[in-house]
Amino acid sequence: MQIIEGDLISENSKIAIVIPRFNNFINQNLLNGAIDILIRIGKIKNKNITIIKIPGSYEIPIILNNISSFLNYDGIITLGTIIKGETEHFKVLSSNITSKISEISLKNNIPISLGILMTDTIEQAINRSGLKFGNKGSEAALVVLEMINIIKKIKNKN
């Protein structure tokens, strides 16, 4: 029996983080959590981390498509916060973004982790960005580190 599992240390990997400026007061906590994990646990050097700031969550897919096609990253972390309002905008936006991220990841064969909060209230978003319920940015960084290493191990098997 063969078991392939990913490690979390990925010293030489290049990571991009895509993060909207919209809801910045929450997103900054997600970013801090992601960077902490990449540096402290993943042993990623500052020079191998690129932060791309964009206007809002809607713009995430086009940026992902561009950087995963043209630039040399081993993994990408998406961060952001979508808070439900009084319209259907929340459902459409959340669904569209998550499906596009998955499509881009598969099309370009690059791990892209989903660190986007999709909450009913601001309080829920604050709690998931480092208060009561952990930090979704930290979780997204752990996922991308492990996926990078799993893919490397699979490629080295051939």
C-alpha atoms as a PDB file:
ATOM      1  CA  MET A   1       0.000   0.000   0.000  1.00  0.00           C
ATOM      2  CA  GLN A   2       1.264   3.445  -0.924  1.00  0.00           C
ATOM      3  CA  ILE A   3       0.135   6.535   0.911  1.00  0.00           C
ATOM      4  CA  ILE A   4       0.976   9.990  -0.347  1.00  0.00           C
ATOM      5  CA  GLU A   5       0.639  12.828   2.131  1.00  0.00           C
ATOM      6  CA  GLY A   6       1.836  16.385   2.028  1.00  0.00           C
ATOM      7  CA  ASP A   7       4.192  18.058   4.437  1.00  0.00           C
ATOM      8  CA  LEU A   8       3.781  21.644   5.506  1.00  0.00           C
ATOM      9  CA  ILE A   9       7.368  22.800   5.019  1.00  0.00           C
ATOM     10  CA  SER A  10       7.891  24.086   1.504  1.00  0.00           C
ATOM     11  CA  GLU A  11      10.906  26.386   1.752  1.00  0.00           C
ATOM     12  CA  ASN A  12      11.550  27.096  -1.917  1.00  0.00           C
ATOM     13  CA  SER A  13       7.951  27.446  -3.044  1.00  0.00           C
ATOM     14  CA  LYS A  14       6.642  30.666  -4.504  1.00  0.00           C
ATOM     15  CA  ILE A  15       3.235  31.691  -3.224  1.00  0.00           C
ATOM     16  CA  ALA A  16       0.862  34.406  -4.397  1.00  0.00           C
ATOM     17  CA  ILE A  17      -1.849  35.805  -2.140  1.00  0.00           C
ATOM     18  CA  VAL A  18      -4.782  37.541  -3.810  1.00  0.00           C
ATOM     19  CA  ILE A  19      -6.684  39.803  -1.439  1.00  0.00           C
ATOM     20  CA  PRO A  20      -9.394  42.447  -1.981  1.00  0.00           C
ATOM     21  CA  ARG A  21      -9.229  45.908  -0.415  1.00  0.00           C
ATOM     22  CA  PHE A  22     -13.001  45.770   0.168  1.00  0.00           C
ATOM     23  CA  ASN A  23     -13.699  44.726   3.808  1.00  0.00           C
ATOM     24  CA  ASN A  24     -10.038  45.434   4.496  1.00  0.00           C
ATOM     25  CA  PHE A  25     -10.520  45.589   8.280  1.00  0.00           C
ATOM     26  CA  ILE A  26     -11.348  41.847   8.209  1.00  0.00           C
ATOM     27  CA  ASN A  27      -9.169  40.842   5.263  1.00  0.00           C
ATOM     28  CA  GLN A  28      -6.051  42.233   6.928  1.00  0.00           C
ATOM     29  CA  ASN A  29      -6.492  39.698   9.752  1.00  0.00           C
ATOM     30  CA  LEU A  30      -6.816  36.916   7.157  1.00  0.00           C
ATOM     31  CA  LEU A  31      -3.639  38.133   5.449  1.00  0.00           C
ATOM     32  CA  ASN A  32      -1.719  38.293   8.727  1.00  0.00           C
ATOM     33  CA  GLY A  33      -2.781  34.726   9.543  1.00  0.00           C
ATOM     34  CA  ALA A  34      -1.756  33.436   6.110  1.00  0.00           C
ATOM     35  CA  ILE A  35       1.645  35.130   6.171  1.00  0.00           C
ATOM     36  CA  ASP A  36       2.338  33.866   9.693  1.00  0.00           C
ATOM     37  CA  ILE A  37       1.709  30.250   8.622  1.00  0.00           C
ATOM     38  CA  LEU A  38       3.718  30.567   5.402  1.00  0.00           C
ATOM     39  CA  ILE A  39       6.764  31.967   7.186  1.00  0.00           C
ATOM     40  CA  ARG A  40       6.610  30.211  10.550  1.00  0.00           C
ATOM     41  CA  ILE A  41       5.412  26.754   9.513  1.00  0.00           C
ATOM     42  CA  GLY A  42       6.041  26.604   5.762  1.00  0.00           C
ATOM     43  CA  LYS A  43       9.488  28.217   6.087  1.00  0.00           C
ATOM     44  CA  ILE A  44       8.708  30.354   3.019  1.00  0.00           C
ATOM     45  CA  LYS A  45      11.030  33.310   2.560  1.00  0.00           C
ATOM     46  CA  ASN A  46       9.508  36.800   2.322  1.00  0.00           C
ATOM     47  CA  LYS A  47      10.928  37.197  -1.183  1.00  0.00           C
ATOM     48  CA  ASN A  48       8.875  34.175  -2.333  1.00  0.00           C
ATOM     49  CA  ILE A  49       5.547  35.645  -1.201  1.00  0.00           C
ATOM     50  CA  THR A  50       3.697  38.012  -3.532  1.00  0.00           C
ATOM     51  CA  ILE A  51       0.636  39.882  -2.277  1.00  0.00           C
ATOM     52  CA  ILE A  52      -1.731  41.118  -4.961  1.00  0.00           C
ATOM     53  CA  LYS A  53      -4.287  43.654  -3.736  1.00  0.00           C
ATOM     54  CA  ILE A  54      -7.424  44.015  -5.836  1.00  0.00           C
ATOM     55  CA  PRO A  55     -10.625  46.089  -5.499  1.00  0.00           C
ATOM     56  CA  GLY A  56     -13.077  43.357  -4.430  1.00  0.00           C
ATOM     57  CA  SER A  57     -13.857  39.639  -4.393  1.00  0.00           C
ATOM     58  CA  TYR A  58     -15.513  39.748  -7.809  1.00  0.00           C
ATOM     59  CA  GLU A  59     -12.125  40.468  -9.375  1.00  0.00           C
ATOM     60  CA  ILE A  60     -10.422  37.402  -7.869  1.00  0.00           C
ATOM     61  CA  PRO A  61     -11.039  34.998 -10.806  1.00  0.00           C
ATOM     62  CA  ILE A  62      -9.530  37.219 -13.500  1.00  0.00           C
ATOM     63  CA  ILE A  63      -6.409  37.821 -11.429  1.00  0.00           C
ATOM     64  CA  LEU A  64      -6.117  34.099 -10.657  1.00  0.00           C
ATOM     65  CA  ASN A  65      -6.475  33.240 -14.312  1.00  0.00           C
ATOM     66  CA  ASN A  66      -3.708  35.654 -15.255  1.00  0.00           C
ATOM     67  CA  ILE A  67      -1.180  34.781 -12.574  1.00  0.00           C
ATOM     68  CA  SER A  68      -1.733  31.026 -12.800  1.00  0.00           C
ATOM     69  CA  SER A  69      -1.247  31.141 -16.582  1.00  0.00           C
ATOM     70  CA  PHE A  70       1.653  33.549 -16.924  1.00  0.00           C
ATOM     71  CA  LEU A  71       3.605  33.650 -13.690  1.00  0.00           C
ATOM     72  CA  ASN A  72       5.569  30.938 -11.963  1.00  0.00           C
ATOM     73  CA  TYR A  73       3.850  30.239  -8.635  1.00  0.00           C
ATOM     74  CA  ASP A  74       3.664  26.898  -6.877  1.00  0.00           C
ATOM     75  CA  GLY A  75       0.414  27.832  -5.135  1.00  0.00           C
ATOM     76  CA  ILE A  76      -2.057  30.657  -4.694  1.00  0.00           C
ATOM     77  CA  ILE A  77      -4.051  31.694  -1.643  1.00  0.00           C
ATOM     78  CA  THR A  78      -7.291  33.603  -2.135  1.00  0.00           C
ATOM     79  CA  LEU A  79      -8.512  35.701   0.765  1.00  0.00           C
ATOM     80  CA  GLY A  80     -11.549  37.892   1.133  1.00  0.00           C
ATOM     81  CA  THR A  81     -14.827  38.546   2.877  1.00  0.00           C
ATOM     82  CA  ILE A  82     -18.300  38.440   1.389  1.00  0.00           C
ATOM     83  CA  ILE A  83     -21.008  39.451   3.851  1.00  0.00           C
ATOM     84  CA  LYS A  84     -24.650  38.777   3.097  1.00  0.00           C
ATOM     85  CA  GLY A  85     -26.706  41.865   2.445  1.00  0.00           C
ATOM     86  CA  GLU A  86     -30.374  42.350   1.746  1.00  0.00           C
ATOM     87  CA  THR A  87     -30.210  41.210  -1.892  1.00  0.00           C
ATOM     88  CA  GLU A  88     -29.377  38.014  -3.788  1.00  0.00           C
ATOM     89  CA  HIS A  89     -25.990  39.512  -4.705  1.00  0.00           C
ATOM     90  CA  PHE A  90     -24.313  37.489  -1.916  1.00  0.00           C
ATOM     91  CA  LYS A  91     -25.439  34.089  -3.264  1.00  0.00           C
ATOM     92  CA  VAL A  92     -24.564  34.846  -6.870  1.00  0.00           C
ATOM     93  CA  LEU A  93     -21.181  36.326  -6.000  1.00  0.00           C
ATOM     94  CA  SER A  94     -20.202  33.517  -3.590  1.00  0.00           C
ATOM     95  CA  SER A  95     -21.257  30.754  -5.959  1.00  0.00           C
ATOM     96  CA  ASN A  96     -19.631  32.325  -9.007  1.00  0.00           C
ATOM     97  CA  ILE A  97     -16.313  32.992  -7.296  1.00  0.00           C
ATOM     98  CA  THR A  98     -15.941  29.537  -5.750  1.00  0.00           C
ATOM     99  CA  SER A  99     -16.753  27.730  -9.000  1.00  0.00           C
ATOM    100  CA  LYS A 100     -14.376  29.937 -11.001  1.00  0.00           C
ATOM    101  CA  ILE A 101     -11.538  29.372  -8.510  1.00  0.00           C
ATOM    102  CA  SER A 102     -11.987  25.629  -8.849  1.00  0.00           C
ATOM    103  CA  GLU A 103     -12.061  25.831 -12.660  1.00  0.00           C
ATOM    104  CA  ILE A 104      -8.901  27.944 -12.798  1.00  0.00           C
ATOM    105  CA  SER A 105      -7.071  25.645 -10.403  1.00  0.00           C
ATOM    106  CA  LEU A 106      -7.892  22.585 -12.512  1.00  0.00           C
ATOM    107  CA  LYS A 107      -7.269  24.283 -15.859  1.00  0.00           C
ATOM    108  CA  ASN A 108      -3.831  25.546 -14.866  1.00  0.00           C
ATOM    109  CA  ASN A 109      -2.899  22.619 -12.598  1.00  0.00           C
ATOM    110  CA  ILE A 110      -2.033  24.809  -9.624  1.00  0.00           C
ATOM    111  CA  PRO A 111      -3.297  24.552  -6.056  1.00  0.00           C
ATOM    112  CA  ILE A 112      -5.479  27.512  -5.153  1.00  0.00           C
ATOM    113  CA  SER A 113      -6.812  27.592  -1.607  1.00  0.00           C
ATOM    114  CA  LEU A 114     -10.088  29.223  -0.698  1.00  0.00           C
ATOM    115  CA  GLY A 115      -9.666  31.587   2.240  1.00  0.00           C
ATOM    116  CA  ILE A 116     -12.738  33.646   1.458  1.00  0.00           C
ATOM    117  CA  LEU A 117     -15.211  34.170   4.261  1.00  0.00           C
ATOM    118  CA  MET A 118     -18.861  33.988   3.208  1.00  0.00           C
ATOM    119  CA  THR A 119     -20.897  35.004   6.210  1.00  0.00           C
ATOM    120  CA  ASP A 120     -24.318  36.272   7.166  1.00  0.00           C
ATOM    121  CA  THR A 121     -22.999  38.991   9.485  1.00  0.00           C
ATOM    122  CA  ILE A 122     -19.955  41.143  10.140  1.00  0.00           C
ATOM    123  CA  GLU A 123     -19.663  39.521  13.573  1.00  0.00           C
ATOM    124  CA  GLN A 124     -19.336  36.066  11.987  1.00  0.00           C
ATOM    125  CA  ALA A 125     -16.643  37.398   9.641  1.00  0.00           C
ATOM    126  CA  ILE A 126     -14.706  38.947  12.518  1.00  0.00           C
ATOM    127  CA  ASN A 127     -14.912  35.696  14.492  1.00  0.00           C
ATOM    128  CA  ARG A 128     -13.578  33.666  11.516  1.00  0.00           C
ATOM    129  CA  SER A 129     -10.742  36.115  10.897  1.00  0.00           C
ATOM    130  CA  GLY A 130      -8.876  35.391  14.082  1.00  0.00           C
ATOM    131  CA  LEU A 131     -11.193  35.844  17.028  1.00  0.00           C
ATOM    132  CA  LYS A 132     -13.365  32.987  18.320  1.00  0.00           C
ATOM    133  CA  PHE A 133     -13.263  30.489  15.470  1.00  0.00           C
ATOM    134  CA  GLY A 134      -9.716  30.508  14.183  1.00  0.00           C
ATOM    135  CA  ASN A 135      -8.412  32.314  11.148  1.00  0.00           C
ATOM    136  CA  LYS A 136      -9.535  31.294   7.665  1.00  0.00           C
ATOM    137  CA  GLY A 137      -6.378  32.891   6.231  1.00  0.00           C
ATOM    138  CA  SER A 138      -4.205  30.593   8.348  1.00  0.00           C
ATOM    139  CA  GLU A 139      -6.265  27.593   7.241  1.00  0.00           C
ATOM    140  CA  ALA A 140      -5.921  28.572   3.577  1.00  0.00           C
ATOM    141  CA  ALA A 141      -2.131  28.845   3.949  1.00  0.00           C
ATOM    142  CA  LEU A 142      -1.936  25.372   5.522  1.00  0.00           C
ATOM    143  CA  VAL A 143      -4.009  23.935   2.668  1.00  0.00           C
ATOM    144  CA  VAL A 144      -1.860  25.438  -0.076  1.00  0.00           C
ATOM    145  CA  LEU A 145       1.385  24.289   1.587  1.00  0.00           C
ATOM    146  CA  GLU A 146       0.123  20.725   1.886  1.00  0.00           C
ATOM    147  CA  MET A 147      -1.255  20.658  -1.661  1.00  0.00           C
ATOM    148  CA  ILE A 148       2.024  21.948  -3.119  1.00  0.00           C
ATOM    149  CA  ASN A 149       3.872  19.098  -1.436  1.00  0.00           C
ATOM    150  CA  ILE A 150       1.334  16.437  -2.407  1.00  0.00           C
ATOM    151  CA  ILE A 151       1.541  17.486  -6.065  1.00  0.00           C
ATOM    152  CA  LYS A 152       5.365  17.443  -5.924  1.00  0.00           C
ATOM    153  CA  LYS A 153       5.314  13.923  -4.481  1.00  0.00           C
ATOM    154  CA  ILE A 154       2.888  12.709  -7.159  1.00  0.00           C
ATOM    155  CA  LYS A 155       5.045  14.225  -9.927  1.00  0.00           C
ATOM    156  CA  ASN A 156       8.188  12.609  -8.472  1.00  0.00           C
ATOM    157  CA  LYS A 157       6.490   9.191  -8.514  1.00  0.00           C
ATOM    158  CA  ASN A 158       6.469   9.182 -12.341  1.00  0.00           C
END
